[in-house]
Every structure is written in C-alpha cells, then in structure tokens.
Amino acid sequence: MAEIFKVTNFIDGKYVEPVGGSWLDNFDPTTGRVYSHVADSDEKDVQLAYEAAARAFPIWSKTPREQRAKILYKIADPIEARIDEFAAAESRDNGKPVALAKNMDINRVVANFRFFAGAILHHEDMSTQMDGVAVNYTVSQPVGVAGLISPWNLPLYLLSWKIAPAIACGNTCVCKPSEMTSVTAWMLGQVLNDAGLPAGVVNLVNGLGPKCGNAIVSHPSIPLISFTGGTATAKHIIIASAPYYKKMSLELGGKNPNIIFDDANLDTCVDVTVRSSFLNQGEICLCGSRLLVQEGIYPEFLKRFVAKTKALVVGDPKDPKTNMGALISKEHLAKVTSYVEMAKRDGGKIETGGGRPAGLPAEFEGGYFLEPTIITGLDHSSCVVTEEIFGPVVTITTFKTEEEAIELANSVKYGLSCTIWTENSGRVHRVGLGVHAGTVWVNTWLMRDLRVPFGGVKQSGIGREGGKHSIEFYTEQKTICVRYDGK
C-alpha cells in the first residue's frame, strides 16, 4: 500500500502545514480508503494567506499586463506537459475516469490560463468626447485580494477558471479548493513557483467550509468572492459577507431540462443526451437531469435511451473503456440513492439502474459506485423531479405542446442551462427565449466558448463570468473626466 501523504497549504510561495496542526482524512472514492491527509485550516491560516496576498498586491497590480500574460502562459505549458500526471491525480481524488480527467478537466485548465493570458492583452477600455468640452476615459483596475472557492466535481478546472482571470487582471488571491479534492490544487503550487509567479499572488488554503471557507467570505479586507457550489452554501456566503458589501459571483446548482421535440434527430439526440445525463457520474452542474420528451416520440426515445444507458461501463477509472467512475463520497452516494428510493415511494418506475454495478473487482468493494439510473412515471411536482440530485439519476416526463414544454422547463427554482432538440428554426428561438436559463444549447450540449458569459438565473446564481465578463468582474471600472475647453 502506498504511503499516505499530506496535502499542505500553499502560502506566500511556500508549502506550509496548518497552524492548528489538524488534518482531514481524504478518501479514494473507488475504494473508500484513506489515501492522503488534507490540511484542516481555520481563520489563522486564512489570515496568513490574506497577509501574503496583501503584501504581493501593490507590486503585482502594477506589473505590466504583458508580463502577467507571459507568466500565465508559463503556468499553462508545464501543466500540459504533465497532463497525464495531473489527470491521474484528479481521477484518484474525484473518482472520475482518467480519460475524462485528461480530455476535459486538465485540458480545460490549460485553456483557462492561456485564454486569459491573451484576453488581458486585448482588453480595451473606453473613451468618449463631449463636444470639444471634455473627454471621459475609463480604466479597469484590479479589485484587491480575491477570495476564490471552488467545488469538488471539476476541481482544478473550476479553480483555474477563477485564478486565471483574477491574476491576469492584477489581483492576488486566497483560494480554497474543496476539502475532498485538494490534490491537484496542491500540485499547482509548485507550477506557479516554477513559472515565476511572485510569492503571495496565489495562496491555497485547504479545509472545511464552516471553518476555512467562512473565514474567507467574512474577512473584512477581502473585497471580492467568486464561489462555485451549492445553493444552501451560497445563502450563507451572502449573509456572512453582507456587512462588507463584497463584490460577488455565485455559480450554483441546476436542475437542467433537456427539451426533446418530436422532430429531433434521435440518433444524435440520444447519444448526446446519454452524455449530458451521466458524464462525470452526473456530477456536473450543467448535466441535463430532467428530460422532457414530446409525447409522439416518447416510446422510441425511451427505448433507445435506456439501451444506450445500459451499455455504459461503470468501474475502474483507470480503464480506458470506463464511462463512469465512482461518486465523490460515501455521504453523497447515500444522498443520491435516497432520491432513487424516494422515486419508488412516489410511484416512479426505475427503467434501468438504481443499484450498485455488478461485477466490480474486489479492490473496489468499498467504493462509491452507482449504476446510471433512469426514472419514469413521476409527477412533475415530485422532489426527485424538482430538486438537484447531482448524480447519475435522470427523470423523464412527457409534454404535448411547445407552451407546455416551456412551462415545465421553468417550473423549478433553478435556471442554469437548458438543451433543446428540434429541427424547427422558429421553435429554436421561441423556446430559447422563453426558458429561464443562463445558457441554452440547441442540438448540442456542453459546447463552451470561453468568450461568452456564463452563469445562472433564479437560484442558480448571481453574476456572469467568461471573457470580458470575467475581466469586468475582477476589476473596478473607474471613469476619469477631463475638461479641456478652459472654461
């Protein structure tokens, strides 16, 4: 058995143990066994990280953007060169297939740093003339020390989505990755040093939300918070940060509808819908977990969708043939399976899945595996249909008309994304405009352009990030008016 290692904090360019000397067990989701210990940090560690970031800010904020961009490119290059190493670590920490971690997660990490390295070079401020009397011009100035909190489902993918624009704009930061998936963030520290990033610009503090995360969001001198995670946690963040009027971006949960009309190309639709339902074990906020299918094609869609789902391979994340790995934790597995049991009590039919996969190797006996699960026959008001499950569980319900489809799509408290399947161009625009969601995909899913705004409506979040929207979030716009007519 490999020796258990420690995931320390990274503060002021150095790896340091938590001040209190406490550690958290970190479990391998595929085996259920502890394989590392993660720093159990508190407000003392956060204060040290803040002080390092505050010391670094005056110099980094005045570093020319060309130099900042060069460093971001230097961060991306070694991650790409070590992509297999980072992917293996992400897979072990999270439970997802190694191939997915490589092709989606770590590739996106590289893209995040490179994108914002280029974006900051091409950012333009504005100037206006006032009829020969005065000129106005704007400047985008870094906010200060940013508090960045990322989730466990796409660990370094989403942490880098915050770090890259924050430091590209001249901010420094205190980051808290999820305590369940801290390893790749820990690995990032050495990459930052090797790239020449000045000490204190990025600080990584590991630990639990109530202790470590709360210390960040309630810190009176951290003026900006970017958080990706659950809606209940976001409510606490809003309350804890309220006395300090912090600038906030909250990217939260979703219960995303896939609206499948009777003119959909079923061959493509079924393939992509299986992916959008079960990729990353269904642990993506953008997964389409509510399938709304027009009555005329429901029988054929269900037959094909169930067959494709049954063909998915659940098992060893290291096997290239594996489609789904393990869920993140024992507690999360229990939560997801409780919704399957609730569906049965509510009169739902389990078309496939709902249990532990058969035939798993003995080494995975204690792992947190669940079959991809399809449920039909539930009322639209069932909690299984309306609440975020965040696992490999989808419900299928039917609709008759376009108007009913929009009504059902909008009937939950979330509004992160929606996928529409139709060949009718008029319907594309009517339904796309009618659904309450931050992103609408048509005849595709998870096609991401880093230039466009990303975020949700209703209880799926506040604010937008991506492209110029990230730069606007991580800077303050200042207008300077100069009168020159001599009067």
Protein backbone atom coordinates (compact mmCIF):
# COMPACT_ATOMS: atom_id res chain seq x y z
CA MET A 1 0.00 0.00 0.00
CA ALA A 2 1.31 3.44 -0.93
CA GLU A 3 2.28 5.72 1.92
CA ILE A 4 -0.33 8.27 2.94
CA PHE A 5 0.85 11.78 2.12
CA LYS A 6 -0.06 15.23 3.40
CA VAL A 7 -1.77 17.91 1.30
CA THR A 8 -0.46 21.10 2.88
CA ASN A 9 -1.36 24.73 2.35
CA PHE A 10 0.50 26.92 -0.15
CA ILE A 11 1.03 30.38 1.32
CA ASP A 12 3.46 33.08 0.21
CA GLY A 13 5.09 30.73 -2.27
CA LYS A 14 5.78 28.02 0.32
CA TYR A 15 4.14 24.75 1.31
CA VAL A 16 3.18 25.03 4.98
CA GLU A 17 1.29 22.88 7.46
CA PRO A 18 -1.88 24.23 9.10
CA VAL A 19 -1.29 26.42 12.14
CA GLY A 20 -3.53 24.26 14.31
CA GLY A 21 -1.84 21.03 13.27
CA SER A 22 -5.14 19.34 12.34
CA TRP A 23 -5.69 17.16 9.29
CA LEU A 24 -8.68 15.73 7.42
CA ASP A 25 -8.88 12.23 6.00
CA ASN A 26 -9.06 12.20 2.22
CA PHE A 27 -10.70 9.13 0.69
CA ASP A 28 -10.16 7.38 -2.62
CA PRO A 29 -13.77 7.22 -3.93
CA THR A 30 -13.13 3.96 -5.77
CA THR A 31 -12.01 2.06 -2.67
CA GLY A 32 -13.40 4.02 0.26
CA ARG A 33 -9.94 4.01 1.84
CA VAL A 34 -7.95 6.99 3.14
CA TYR A 35 -5.03 7.77 0.88
CA SER A 36 -3.98 11.27 1.99
CA HIS A 37 -4.46 13.83 4.74
CA VAL A 38 -5.60 17.35 3.88
CA ALA A 39 -4.83 20.43 5.96
CA ASP A 40 -7.74 21.31 8.26
CA SER A 41 -7.20 25.06 8.15
CA ASP A 42 -9.00 27.78 10.07
CA GLU A 43 -9.09 31.56 10.34
CA LYS A 44 -5.42 31.71 11.41
CA ASP A 45 -4.31 30.08 8.16
CA VAL A 46 -6.65 32.30 6.13
CA GLN A 47 -5.20 35.37 7.83
CA LEU A 48 -1.66 34.29 6.93
CA ALA A 49 -2.78 33.74 3.32
CA TYR A 50 -4.50 37.13 3.25
CA GLU A 51 -1.42 38.89 4.61
CA ALA A 52 0.75 37.27 1.93
CA ALA A 53 -1.72 38.28 -0.78
CA ALA A 54 -1.97 41.83 0.57
CA ARG A 55 1.83 42.19 0.55
CA ALA A 56 2.02 40.94 -3.03
CA PHE A 57 -0.79 43.12 -4.37
CA PRO A 58 0.97 46.52 -4.72
CA ILE A 59 3.68 45.08 -6.96
CA TRP A 60 1.59 42.55 -8.88
CA SER A 61 -1.20 45.04 -9.59
CA LYS A 62 1.33 47.36 -11.21
CA THR A 63 3.12 44.62 -13.15
CA PRO A 64 2.62 45.30 -16.89
CA ARG A 65 -0.08 43.14 -18.40
CA GLU A 66 2.40 41.77 -20.94
CA GLN A 67 4.48 40.36 -18.09
CA ARG A 68 1.43 38.96 -16.32
CA ALA A 69 0.37 37.29 -19.57
CA LYS A 70 3.81 35.71 -20.04
CA ILE A 71 3.60 34.15 -16.59
CA LEU A 72 0.12 32.76 -17.28
CA TYR A 73 1.43 31.12 -20.45
CA LYS A 74 4.30 29.68 -18.40
CA ILE A 75 1.77 28.21 -15.97
CA ALA A 76 -0.17 26.52 -18.77
CA ASP A 77 2.78 24.91 -20.54
CA PRO A 78 4.05 22.57 -17.77
CA ILE A 79 0.51 21.51 -16.86
CA GLU A 80 0.04 20.47 -20.48
CA ALA A 81 3.40 18.67 -20.43
CA ARG A 82 2.37 16.81 -17.26
CA ILE A 83 -1.24 16.24 -18.32
CA ASP A 84 -1.16 12.50 -17.60
CA GLU A 85 0.15 13.09 -14.09
CA PHE A 86 -2.45 15.74 -13.31
CA ALA A 87 -5.25 13.63 -14.83
CA ALA A 88 -4.30 10.58 -12.76
CA ALA A 89 -4.28 12.68 -9.60
CA GLU A 90 -7.63 14.29 -10.41
CA SER A 91 -9.16 10.90 -11.14
CA ARG A 92 -7.97 9.36 -7.90
CA ASP A 93 -9.16 12.33 -5.84
CA ASN A 94 -12.58 12.62 -7.50
CA GLY A 95 -13.42 9.12 -8.78
CA LYS A 96 -13.93 10.12 -12.40
CA PRO A 97 -12.35 8.20 -15.33
CA VAL A 98 -8.74 9.13 -16.03
CA ALA A 99 -9.55 9.65 -19.71
CA LEU A 100 -12.25 12.17 -18.79
CA ALA A 101 -9.94 13.97 -16.37
CA LYS A 102 -7.35 14.26 -19.13
CA ASN A 103 -9.58 15.21 -22.04
CA MET A 104 -11.98 17.51 -20.18
CA ASP A 105 -10.59 18.68 -16.84
CA ILE A 106 -6.89 19.20 -17.35
CA ASN A 107 -7.20 20.29 -20.97
CA ARG A 108 -9.57 22.98 -19.76
CA VAL A 109 -7.12 24.05 -17.03
CA VAL A 110 -4.51 24.68 -19.73
CA ALA A 111 -7.08 26.52 -21.86
CA ASN A 112 -8.14 28.73 -18.93
CA PHE A 113 -4.65 30.07 -18.30
CA ARG A 114 -3.92 30.56 -21.99
CA PHE A 115 -7.26 32.20 -22.73
CA PHE A 116 -6.98 34.83 -20.02
CA ALA A 117 -3.30 35.43 -20.81
CA GLY A 118 -4.46 36.51 -24.26
CA ALA A 119 -7.65 38.19 -23.11
CA ILE A 120 -5.90 40.66 -20.84
CA LEU A 121 -3.63 41.73 -23.69
CA HIS A 122 -6.61 42.55 -25.89
CA HIS A 123 -8.85 44.15 -23.29
CA GLU A 124 -9.93 47.67 -24.24
CA ASP A 125 -11.18 50.45 -22.02
CA MET A 126 -13.36 53.22 -23.47
CA SER A 127 -13.16 56.94 -24.13
CA THR A 128 -15.87 59.47 -25.04
CA GLN A 129 -15.73 63.06 -26.26
CA MET A 130 -18.16 65.74 -25.02
CA ASP A 131 -18.41 68.17 -27.98
CA GLY A 132 -15.00 69.80 -27.61
CA VAL A 133 -15.53 70.46 -23.90
CA ALA A 134 -14.20 67.40 -22.12
CA VAL A 135 -13.02 63.86 -22.58
CA ASN A 136 -14.02 60.87 -20.48
CA TYR A 137 -11.97 57.73 -20.30
CA THR A 138 -12.28 54.57 -18.24
CA VAL A 139 -9.64 52.43 -16.60
CA SER A 140 -10.07 48.86 -15.34
CA GLN A 141 -8.22 48.48 -12.07
CA PRO A 142 -7.74 45.28 -10.05
CA VAL A 143 -10.01 44.95 -7.04
CA GLY A 144 -7.51 43.66 -4.48
CA VAL A 145 -7.31 40.30 -2.72
CA ALA A 146 -9.87 37.93 -4.25
CA GLY A 147 -11.45 35.07 -2.31
CA LEU A 148 -11.88 32.10 -4.65
CA ILE A 149 -13.81 28.99 -3.54
CA SER A 150 -14.19 26.02 -5.88
CA PRO A 151 -16.15 22.74 -5.72
CA TRP A 152 -15.19 19.06 -5.81
CA ASN A 153 -16.76 17.97 -9.10
CA LEU A 154 -14.38 19.73 -11.53
CA PRO A 155 -11.62 20.60 -9.09
CA LEU A 156 -8.72 22.25 -10.93
CA TYR A 157 -10.90 23.01 -13.98
CA LEU A 158 -13.07 25.40 -11.96
CA LEU A 159 -10.37 26.69 -9.63
CA SER A 160 -8.26 27.74 -12.62
CA TRP A 161 -11.37 29.36 -14.16
CA LYS A 162 -11.16 31.73 -11.18
CA ILE A 163 -7.41 32.04 -10.62
CA ALA A 164 -6.53 32.77 -14.26
CA PRO A 165 -8.71 35.88 -14.77
CA ALA A 166 -8.15 37.08 -11.21
CA ILE A 167 -4.37 37.25 -11.52
CA ALA A 168 -4.44 38.26 -15.20
CA CYS A 169 -6.28 41.40 -14.09
CA GLY A 170 -3.67 42.15 -11.41
CA ASN A 171 -5.42 40.80 -8.33
CA THR A 172 -3.88 38.50 -5.76
CA CYS A 173 -5.96 35.73 -4.22
CA VAL A 174 -6.74 33.41 -1.34
CA CYS A 175 -8.16 30.17 -2.73
CA LYS A 176 -10.00 27.32 -1.05
CA PRO A 177 -10.42 24.16 -3.11
CA SER A 178 -12.87 21.55 -1.86
CA GLU A 179 -11.50 19.58 1.07
CA MET A 180 -12.50 16.41 -0.83
CA THR A 181 -10.46 17.24 -3.95
CA SER A 182 -7.45 19.34 -2.98
CA VAL A 183 -4.60 17.35 -4.53
CA THR A 184 -4.31 18.98 -7.97
CA ALA A 185 -4.57 22.47 -6.44
CA TRP A 186 -1.73 21.45 -4.12
CA MET A 187 0.28 20.29 -7.15
CA LEU A 188 -0.40 23.63 -8.83
CA GLY A 189 1.62 25.49 -6.21
CA GLN A 190 4.96 24.24 -7.49
CA VAL A 191 3.92 25.03 -11.07
CA LEU A 192 3.20 28.62 -10.04
CA ASN A 193 6.65 28.95 -8.45
CA ASP A 194 8.39 27.42 -11.44
CA ALA A 195 6.55 29.83 -13.76
CA GLY A 196 7.96 32.81 -11.87
CA LEU A 197 4.71 33.96 -10.27
CA PRO A 198 5.73 36.19 -7.35
CA ALA A 199 5.19 34.75 -3.88
CA GLY A 200 1.84 35.66 -2.38
CA VAL A 201 -0.02 36.28 -5.63
CA VAL A 202 -1.83 32.92 -5.32
CA ASN A 203 -2.35 31.31 -1.92
CA LEU A 204 -4.09 27.95 -1.43
CA VAL A 205 -5.71 27.17 1.91
CA ASN A 206 -7.33 23.78 2.41
CA GLY A 207 -10.07 22.90 4.84
CA LEU A 208 -13.76 22.75 5.61
CA GLY A 209 -16.31 25.32 4.55
CA PRO A 210 -17.57 26.29 8.01
CA LYS A 211 -14.04 26.96 9.28
CA CYS A 212 -11.82 27.83 6.33
CA GLY A 213 -14.37 28.98 3.76
CA ASN A 214 -16.27 31.09 6.26
CA ALA A 215 -13.06 32.83 7.28
CA ILE A 216 -12.55 33.88 3.66
CA VAL A 217 -16.06 35.12 2.92
CA SER A 218 -16.33 37.01 6.24
CA HIS A 219 -12.85 38.53 6.11
CA PRO A 220 -13.32 42.31 6.22
CA SER A 221 -10.39 43.00 3.87
CA ILE A 222 -11.19 40.50 1.10
CA PRO A 223 -13.44 42.60 -1.18
CA LEU A 224 -14.35 40.02 -3.81
CA ILE A 225 -15.73 36.48 -3.65
CA SER A 226 -16.10 34.03 -6.53
CA PHE A 227 -17.86 30.85 -5.42
CA THR A 228 -18.97 27.75 -7.29
CA GLY A 229 -21.01 25.26 -5.29
CA GLY A 230 -24.35 24.58 -3.68
CA THR A 231 -27.27 26.96 -3.28
CA ALA A 232 -27.50 26.47 0.51
CA THR A 233 -23.83 27.37 0.95
CA ALA A 234 -24.29 30.44 -1.25
CA LYS A 235 -27.05 31.67 1.04
CA HIS A 236 -24.62 31.52 3.96
CA ILE A 237 -21.98 33.36 1.92
CA ILE A 238 -24.40 36.16 1.12
CA ILE A 239 -25.30 36.55 4.82
CA ALA A 240 -21.71 36.28 6.11
CA SER A 241 -20.35 38.76 3.59
CA ALA A 242 -23.23 41.23 3.76
CA PRO A 243 -21.66 43.59 6.34
CA TYR A 244 -18.72 44.18 3.99
CA TYR A 245 -20.56 44.80 0.67
CA LYS A 246 -18.31 42.44 -1.23
CA LYS A 247 -18.34 42.05 -4.97
CA MET A 248 -19.68 38.54 -5.61
CA SER A 249 -20.10 35.97 -8.35
CA LEU A 250 -22.04 32.86 -7.35
CA GLU A 251 -22.31 29.93 -9.77
CA LEU A 252 -24.68 27.48 -8.15
CA GLY A 253 -26.74 24.37 -8.80
CA GLY A 254 -29.04 23.36 -11.59
CA LYS A 255 -31.94 21.07 -12.43
CA ASN A 256 -31.49 21.46 -16.14
CA PRO A 257 -34.16 20.45 -18.65
CA ASN A 258 -33.47 18.69 -21.92
CA ILE A 259 -36.48 19.53 -24.11
CA ILE A 260 -36.82 16.93 -26.87
CA PHE A 261 -39.36 17.73 -29.58
CA ASP A 262 -40.86 15.20 -31.96
CA ASP A 263 -38.78 16.46 -34.91
CA ALA A 264 -35.46 15.88 -33.12
CA ASN A 265 -32.73 13.89 -34.83
CA LEU A 266 -32.97 10.94 -32.47
CA ASP A 267 -29.68 9.36 -33.48
CA THR A 268 -27.69 12.38 -32.38
CA CYS A 269 -30.09 13.36 -29.62
CA VAL A 270 -29.92 10.03 -27.80
CA ASP A 271 -26.14 9.82 -27.96
CA VAL A 272 -25.65 13.35 -26.65
CA THR A 273 -28.40 13.02 -24.04
CA VAL A 274 -26.74 9.94 -22.55
CA ARG A 275 -23.58 12.01 -22.28
CA SER A 276 -25.35 15.04 -20.82
CA SER A 277 -27.08 12.84 -18.27
CA PHE A 278 -24.19 10.74 -17.00
CA LEU A 279 -20.86 12.40 -17.85
CA ASN A 280 -18.67 12.71 -14.74
CA GLN A 281 -21.15 10.42 -12.92
CA GLY A 282 -23.79 13.13 -13.40
CA GLU A 283 -21.76 15.36 -11.07
CA ILE A 284 -21.74 18.44 -13.30
CA CYS A 285 -23.97 21.42 -12.58
CA LEU A 286 -24.81 21.55 -16.31
CA CYS A 287 -25.98 17.94 -16.64
CA GLY A 288 -29.46 17.56 -18.08
CA SER A 289 -31.22 15.69 -15.31
CA ARG A 290 -34.82 16.48 -16.38
CA LEU A 291 -35.71 15.03 -19.76
CA LEU A 292 -38.90 16.49 -21.21
CA VAL A 293 -39.93 14.44 -24.24
CA GLN A 294 -42.80 15.22 -26.60
CA GLU A 295 -45.44 12.51 -26.44
CA GLY A 296 -45.23 11.42 -30.08
CA ILE A 297 -41.63 10.20 -29.85
CA TYR A 298 -41.58 9.18 -26.19
CA PRO A 299 -41.75 5.37 -26.71
CA GLU A 300 -38.98 5.35 -29.32
CA PHE A 301 -36.80 7.78 -27.38
CA LEU A 302 -37.19 5.81 -24.15
CA LYS A 303 -36.30 2.51 -25.85
CA ARG A 304 -33.15 3.93 -27.41
CA PHE A 305 -32.12 5.96 -24.36
CA VAL A 306 -32.43 3.00 -21.98
CA ALA A 307 -30.49 0.74 -24.33
CA LYS A 308 -27.63 3.24 -24.69
CA THR A 309 -27.55 3.83 -20.94
CA LYS A 310 -27.35 0.12 -20.17
CA ALA A 311 -24.31 -0.09 -22.44
CA LEU A 312 -22.32 2.36 -20.29
CA VAL A 313 -19.38 0.84 -18.44
CA VAL A 314 -19.15 1.69 -14.73
CA GLY A 315 -15.96 0.69 -13.00
CA ASP A 316 -12.21 1.18 -12.83
CA PRO A 317 -11.39 4.84 -13.66
CA LYS A 318 -8.00 3.77 -15.00
CA ASP A 319 -9.56 1.55 -17.68
CA PRO A 320 -9.92 3.48 -20.96
CA LYS A 321 -13.21 1.66 -21.61
CA THR A 322 -14.83 3.01 -18.44
CA ASN A 323 -17.58 5.60 -18.96
CA MET A 324 -18.41 6.27 -15.29
CA GLY A 325 -16.30 6.03 -12.16
CA ALA A 326 -17.24 6.40 -8.50
CA LEU A 327 -19.24 9.16 -6.82
CA ILE A 328 -17.29 11.57 -4.65
CA SER A 329 -18.07 10.24 -1.16
CA LYS A 330 -20.00 7.77 0.95
CA GLU A 331 -22.30 10.54 2.13
CA HIS A 332 -23.01 11.77 -1.40
CA LEU A 333 -23.75 8.24 -2.59
CA ALA A 334 -26.26 7.90 0.26
CA LYS A 335 -27.88 11.20 -0.73
CA VAL A 336 -28.21 10.20 -4.39
CA THR A 337 -29.59 6.74 -3.62
CA SER A 338 -32.10 8.28 -1.20
CA TYR A 339 -33.67 10.04 -4.19
CA VAL A 340 -33.93 6.73 -6.03
CA GLU A 341 -35.79 5.28 -3.04
CA MET A 342 -37.97 8.40 -2.89
CA ALA A 343 -38.86 7.91 -6.55
CA LYS A 344 -40.05 4.39 -5.81
CA ARG A 345 -42.22 5.66 -2.96
CA ASP A 346 -43.65 8.34 -5.24
CA GLY A 347 -44.73 5.74 -7.77
CA GLY A 348 -41.86 6.12 -10.20
CA LYS A 349 -40.56 3.29 -12.37
CA ILE A 350 -36.84 2.51 -12.43
CA GLU A 351 -36.28 1.81 -16.11
CA THR A 352 -32.65 0.87 -15.51
CA GLY A 353 -30.05 1.27 -12.78
CA GLY A 354 -30.69 2.33 -9.22
CA GLY A 355 -28.21 -0.02 -7.59
CA ARG A 356 -24.57 -0.92 -7.26
CA PRO A 357 -22.97 -2.14 -10.51
CA ALA A 358 -22.44 -5.87 -10.68
CA GLY A 359 -19.07 -7.44 -11.31
CA LEU A 360 -16.81 -4.78 -9.85
CA PRO A 361 -13.32 -6.03 -8.95
CA ALA A 362 -12.70 -6.86 -5.29
CA GLU A 363 -10.45 -3.80 -4.85
CA PHE A 364 -13.49 -1.58 -5.38
CA GLU A 365 -15.69 -3.33 -2.82
CA GLY A 366 -15.73 -0.23 -0.59
CA GLY A 367 -16.08 2.26 -3.45
CA TYR A 368 -18.94 4.66 -4.01
CA PHE A 369 -20.34 3.33 -7.28
CA LEU A 370 -23.88 3.65 -8.63
CA GLU A 371 -25.42 2.50 -11.88
CA PRO A 372 -26.73 5.17 -14.25
CA THR A 373 -30.39 5.44 -13.36
CA ILE A 374 -33.44 6.38 -15.44
CA ILE A 375 -36.79 7.07 -13.74
CA THR A 376 -40.18 7.50 -15.39
CA GLY A 377 -43.74 7.85 -14.15
CA LEU A 378 -43.22 10.66 -11.65
CA ASP A 379 -45.43 13.70 -11.25
CA HIS A 380 -43.83 17.00 -12.19
CA SER A 381 -44.12 18.09 -8.54
CA SER A 382 -42.07 15.20 -7.16
CA CYS A 383 -38.92 16.28 -5.29
CA VAL A 384 -36.98 13.84 -7.48
CA VAL A 385 -38.02 15.92 -10.49
CA THR A 386 -37.57 19.38 -8.94
CA GLU A 387 -34.53 19.09 -6.64
CA GLU A 388 -30.87 18.89 -7.64
CA ILE A 389 -29.59 15.34 -7.10
CA PHE A 390 -26.11 15.80 -8.60
CA GLY A 391 -25.56 12.21 -9.54
CA PRO A 392 -26.25 9.68 -12.31
CA VAL A 393 -30.04 9.90 -11.95
CA VAL A 394 -32.41 11.38 -14.55
CA THR A 395 -36.16 11.61 -14.79
CA ILE A 396 -38.20 11.51 -17.99
CA THR A 397 -41.59 13.14 -18.32
CA THR A 398 -43.70 13.97 -21.36
CA PHE A 399 -45.31 17.10 -22.77
CA LYS A 400 -47.80 17.83 -25.54
CA THR A 401 -47.15 21.37 -26.77
CA GLU A 402 -44.35 23.89 -27.06
CA GLU A 403 -46.04 26.07 -24.46
CA GLU A 404 -46.26 23.20 -22.00
CA ALA A 405 -42.60 22.39 -22.53
CA ILE A 406 -41.59 25.95 -21.63
CA GLU A 407 -43.86 25.93 -18.60
CA LEU A 408 -42.38 22.67 -17.32
CA ALA A 409 -38.83 23.80 -18.02
CA ASN A 410 -39.42 26.93 -15.91
CA SER A 411 -41.26 25.17 -13.08
CA VAL A 412 -38.25 24.68 -10.77
CA LYS A 413 -36.24 27.13 -8.66
CA TYR A 414 -33.11 26.72 -10.78
CA GLY A 415 -32.13 28.28 -14.09
CA LEU A 416 -28.59 27.36 -15.06
CA SER A 417 -28.89 25.75 -18.50
CA CYS A 418 -31.28 24.11 -20.95
CA THR A 419 -30.84 21.91 -24.01
CA ILE A 420 -33.36 21.99 -26.86
CA TRP A 421 -33.63 19.28 -29.51
CA THR A 422 -35.54 20.32 -32.64
CA GLU A 423 -35.04 20.95 -36.37
CA ASN A 424 -37.56 23.82 -36.38
CA SER A 425 -35.67 27.13 -36.53
CA GLY A 426 -38.62 29.21 -35.35
CA ARG A 427 -39.13 26.94 -32.37
CA VAL A 428 -35.43 27.23 -31.51
CA HIS A 429 -35.80 30.96 -30.95
CA ARG A 430 -39.22 30.88 -29.28
CA VAL A 431 -38.22 28.25 -26.75
CA GLY A 432 -34.69 29.58 -26.33
CA LEU A 433 -36.08 32.98 -25.41
CA GLY A 434 -38.86 31.51 -23.29
CA VAL A 435 -36.88 29.31 -20.91
CA HIS A 436 -35.35 30.80 -17.78
CA ALA A 437 -31.69 29.79 -18.05
CA GLY A 438 -28.29 31.38 -18.31
CA THR A 439 -27.23 29.11 -21.18
CA VAL A 440 -29.34 27.42 -23.84
CA TRP A 441 -27.85 24.77 -26.11
CA VAL A 442 -29.62 23.71 -29.30
CA ASN A 443 -28.91 20.24 -30.72
CA THR A 444 -25.72 20.03 -28.65
CA TRP A 445 -24.52 20.11 -25.04
CA LEU A 446 -21.53 21.48 -23.15
CA MET A 447 -20.15 23.27 -26.17
CA ARG A 448 -18.32 26.04 -24.34
CA ASP A 449 -16.84 29.21 -25.80
CA LEU A 450 -14.75 30.94 -23.13
CA ARG A 451 -15.63 34.34 -24.60
CA VAL A 452 -19.34 34.22 -23.76
CA PRO A 453 -20.98 34.96 -20.39
CA PHE A 454 -21.58 32.02 -18.09
CA GLY A 455 -23.89 31.93 -15.07
CA GLY A 456 -27.41 31.19 -13.96
CA VAL A 457 -30.71 32.83 -13.06
CA LYS A 458 -33.04 32.30 -10.12
CA GLN A 459 -31.32 30.08 -7.53
CA SER A 460 -28.64 29.01 -9.99
CA GLY A 461 -26.52 32.03 -9.26
CA ILE A 462 -25.65 35.70 -9.37
CA GLY A 463 -23.39 37.33 -11.93
CA ARG A 464 -21.59 36.23 -15.08
CA GLU A 465 -18.03 35.15 -15.77
CA GLY A 466 -16.23 34.37 -19.03
CA GLY A 467 -14.32 36.53 -21.49
CA LYS A 468 -14.83 40.24 -20.93
CA HIS A 469 -17.36 39.46 -18.21
CA SER A 470 -14.61 37.88 -16.08
CA ILE A 471 -12.38 40.89 -16.66
CA GLU A 472 -15.22 43.20 -15.64
CA PHE A 473 -15.83 41.14 -12.50
CA TYR A 474 -12.19 41.05 -11.42
CA THR A 475 -11.68 44.78 -11.99
CA GLU A 476 -13.31 48.02 -10.91
CA GLN A 477 -14.28 50.44 -13.66
CA LYS A 478 -13.17 53.99 -12.97
CA THR A 479 -14.26 56.94 -15.10
CA ILE A 480 -11.96 59.97 -15.38
CA CYS A 481 -13.43 63.17 -16.83
CA VAL A 482 -11.02 65.87 -18.06
CA ARG A 483 -12.36 69.26 -19.08
CA TYR A 484 -10.09 70.97 -21.61
CA ASP A 485 -12.01 73.95 -23.04
CA GLY A 486 -10.52 76.30 -20.47
CA LYS A 487 -13.86 77.48 -19.09
